[in-house]
Amino acid sequence: MLLCVQSVSAEPTSDLDRRTARELGREALVALSAGDYATAEERLDRALSLHVAPTLHLARARAREGLGKLLSAAEDYRAVLRFTDAPEQPKSFAQARLDARTELDRLEPKLPYLTLLPQGAPRRVTVNGTEWPAAALGIARPLDPGTYAIEVTSA
């Protein structure tokens, strides 16, 4: 077996993209403070497509949490924690990591879980129209709060 390992680095962000992402982030913070989580999430999605920063992930996590998208929020908090310290980074990045740890620790116990235990060997299981992997049957999986349509097709 041949194994090839290659390091991958992201393209550097241009000054224009970074500036645009910063402006989108400001708009998102205004929307967040007004409780307009959908607008905040949309602005932050766009900002993160231009420039990746822990502060943008943190803000998007808060917007997603406000929308009830707890799983996505938790993943954004985790994304913040993956950033490492660098001497030239803004102090806000280090604060974002501290805030993300606190907020993730508070959020994780709130995540609801669903365990599907169908009788027999089902041919297909879907949750809200999305296939539930056979390997996940009998395993507790986190889901966002809400109502779910579960369909089981027998063999």
Protein backbone atom coordinates (compact mmCIF):
# COMPACT_ATOMS: atom_id res chain seq x y z
CA MET A 1 0.00 0.00 0.00
CA LEU A 2 1.29 3.45 -0.94
CA LEU A 3 0.68 6.30 1.45
CA CYS A 4 1.25 9.87 0.37
CA VAL A 5 1.14 12.75 2.82
CA GLN A 6 1.03 16.29 1.59
CA SER A 7 0.79 19.47 3.60
CA VAL A 8 -1.93 21.84 2.52
CA SER A 9 -1.99 25.53 3.24
CA ALA A 10 -4.79 27.98 2.62
CA GLU A 11 -4.38 30.73 0.09
CA PRO A 12 -3.45 33.98 1.78
CA THR A 13 -6.36 36.35 2.18
CA SER A 14 -6.09 39.58 0.24
CA ASP A 15 -6.35 42.89 2.06
CA LEU A 16 -9.60 43.57 0.21
CA ASP A 17 -11.14 40.23 1.25
CA ARG A 18 -10.02 40.72 4.84
CA ARG A 19 -11.48 44.25 4.86
CA THR A 20 -14.78 43.01 3.37
CA ALA A 21 -14.95 40.17 5.90
CA ARG A 22 -14.35 42.66 8.70
CA GLU A 23 -17.24 44.86 7.46
CA LEU A 24 -19.54 41.84 7.15
CA GLY A 25 -18.54 40.89 10.70
CA ARG A 26 -19.50 44.36 11.95
CA GLU A 27 -22.89 44.09 10.22
CA ALA A 28 -23.34 40.67 11.81
CA LEU A 29 -22.58 42.02 15.29
CA VAL A 30 -25.22 44.72 14.85
CA ALA A 31 -27.73 42.06 13.76
CA LEU A 32 -26.75 39.82 16.70
CA SER A 33 -27.25 42.61 19.21
CA ALA A 34 -30.71 43.23 17.69
CA GLY A 35 -31.59 39.52 17.95
CA ASP A 36 -31.65 39.12 14.15
CA TYR A 37 -29.83 35.80 14.16
CA ALA A 38 -30.66 34.89 10.55
CA THR A 39 -29.07 38.05 9.17
CA ALA A 40 -26.09 37.64 11.47
CA GLU A 41 -25.56 34.04 10.32
CA GLU A 42 -25.83 35.01 6.65
CA ARG A 43 -23.30 37.85 7.02
CA LEU A 44 -20.92 35.61 8.93
CA ASP A 45 -21.19 32.81 6.35
CA ARG A 46 -20.15 35.34 3.72
CA ALA A 47 -17.38 36.78 5.90
CA LEU A 48 -15.93 33.34 6.60
CA SER A 49 -15.94 32.52 2.88
CA LEU A 50 -13.60 35.49 2.41
CA HIS A 51 -11.41 35.24 5.50
CA VAL A 52 -11.25 32.70 8.32
CA ALA A 53 -10.87 34.12 11.82
CA PRO A 54 -11.77 32.80 15.29
CA THR A 55 -13.80 35.92 16.05
CA LEU A 56 -16.01 35.29 13.00
CA HIS A 57 -16.55 31.64 14.00
CA LEU A 58 -17.42 32.72 17.54
CA ALA A 59 -19.99 35.24 16.34
CA ARG A 60 -21.51 32.69 13.93
CA ALA A 61 -21.74 30.15 16.75
CA ARG A 62 -23.74 32.67 18.77
CA ALA A 63 -26.02 33.41 15.80
CA ARG A 64 -26.59 29.70 15.16
CA GLU A 65 -27.32 29.10 18.81
CA GLY A 66 -29.90 31.88 18.66
CA LEU A 67 -31.50 30.11 15.69
CA GLY A 68 -31.65 26.81 17.59
CA LYS A 69 -28.91 25.27 15.40
CA LEU A 70 -27.11 23.89 18.42
CA LEU A 71 -25.02 21.30 16.55
CA SER A 72 -23.70 23.87 14.09
CA ALA A 73 -23.06 26.30 16.93
CA ALA A 74 -21.05 23.66 18.81
CA GLU A 75 -18.99 22.98 15.69
CA ASP A 76 -18.22 26.68 15.30
CA TYR A 77 -17.14 26.88 18.96
CA ARG A 78 -14.85 23.89 18.32
CA ALA A 79 -13.46 25.61 15.21
CA VAL A 80 -12.44 28.57 17.38
CA LEU A 81 -10.61 26.22 19.77
CA ARG A 82 -8.55 24.77 16.89
CA PHE A 83 -6.85 28.13 16.29
CA THR A 84 -3.42 28.32 17.90
CA ASP A 85 -1.70 31.26 19.56
CA ALA A 86 0.60 33.33 17.40
CA PRO A 87 2.61 36.35 18.56
CA GLU A 88 1.29 38.64 15.79
CA GLN A 89 -2.41 37.82 16.24
CA PRO A 90 -4.89 40.31 17.70
CA LYS A 91 -5.75 39.96 21.39
CA SER A 92 -9.37 39.41 20.34
CA PHE A 93 -8.38 35.99 18.94
CA ALA A 94 -7.15 34.78 22.33
CA GLN A 95 -10.31 36.15 23.96
CA ALA A 96 -12.42 34.37 21.33
CA ARG A 97 -10.81 31.06 22.33
CA LEU A 98 -11.56 31.68 26.01
CA ASP A 99 -15.15 32.64 25.23
CA ALA A 100 -15.62 29.65 22.91
CA ARG A 101 -14.43 27.21 25.62
CA THR A 102 -16.86 28.72 28.15
CA GLU A 103 -19.78 28.77 25.72
CA LEU A 104 -19.13 25.25 24.41
CA ASP A 105 -18.96 23.90 27.98
CA ARG A 106 -22.33 25.57 28.66
CA LEU A 107 -23.91 24.38 25.38
CA GLU A 108 -22.84 20.72 25.24
CA PRO A 109 -25.06 19.54 28.12
CA LYS A 110 -28.05 21.09 26.32
CA LEU A 111 -27.57 19.07 23.11
CA PRO A 112 -30.43 16.60 22.66
CA TYR A 113 -29.60 13.10 21.45
CA LEU A 114 -31.63 10.59 19.46
CA THR A 115 -31.05 6.84 19.51
CA LEU A 116 -32.90 4.81 16.88
CA LEU A 117 -33.56 1.20 17.85
CA PRO A 118 -35.63 -0.31 15.03
CA GLN A 119 -36.84 -3.88 15.47
CA GLY A 120 -35.35 -6.38 13.06
CA ALA A 121 -33.01 -5.37 10.27
CA PRO A 122 -34.46 -2.34 8.50
CA ARG A 123 -33.63 -1.80 4.85
CA ARG A 124 -33.71 1.96 5.17
CA VAL A 125 -34.15 4.54 7.93
CA THR A 126 -34.63 8.24 7.24
CA VAL A 127 -34.92 11.21 9.58
CA ASN A 128 -36.63 14.20 7.96
CA GLY A 129 -35.96 12.61 4.58
CA THR A 130 -32.23 12.17 5.17
CA GLU A 131 -30.82 8.67 5.28
CA TRP A 132 -29.71 7.60 8.77
CA PRO A 133 -26.54 5.48 8.40
CA ALA A 134 -26.96 1.84 9.38
CA ALA A 135 -23.74 2.15 11.43
CA ALA A 136 -25.48 4.79 13.57
CA LEU A 137 -28.47 2.61 14.53
CA GLY A 138 -28.46 2.01 18.26
CA ILE A 139 -26.00 4.89 18.80
CA ALA A 140 -26.99 8.15 20.48
CA ARG A 141 -26.53 11.00 17.99
CA PRO A 142 -26.89 14.69 18.78
CA LEU A 143 -29.59 16.60 16.92
CA ASP A 144 -30.88 20.13 17.00
CA PRO A 145 -34.05 20.57 19.07
CA GLY A 146 -37.23 20.17 17.05
CA THR A 147 -39.74 17.78 15.58
CA TYR A 148 -38.51 14.95 13.39
CA ALA A 149 -40.23 12.60 10.92
CA ILE A 150 -38.70 9.13 11.19
CA GLU A 151 -39.42 6.52 8.51
CA VAL A 152 -38.31 2.89 8.70
CA THR A 153 -38.57 0.62 5.66
CA SER A 154 -38.43 -3.10 6.38
CA ALA A 155 -36.48 -5.57 4.32
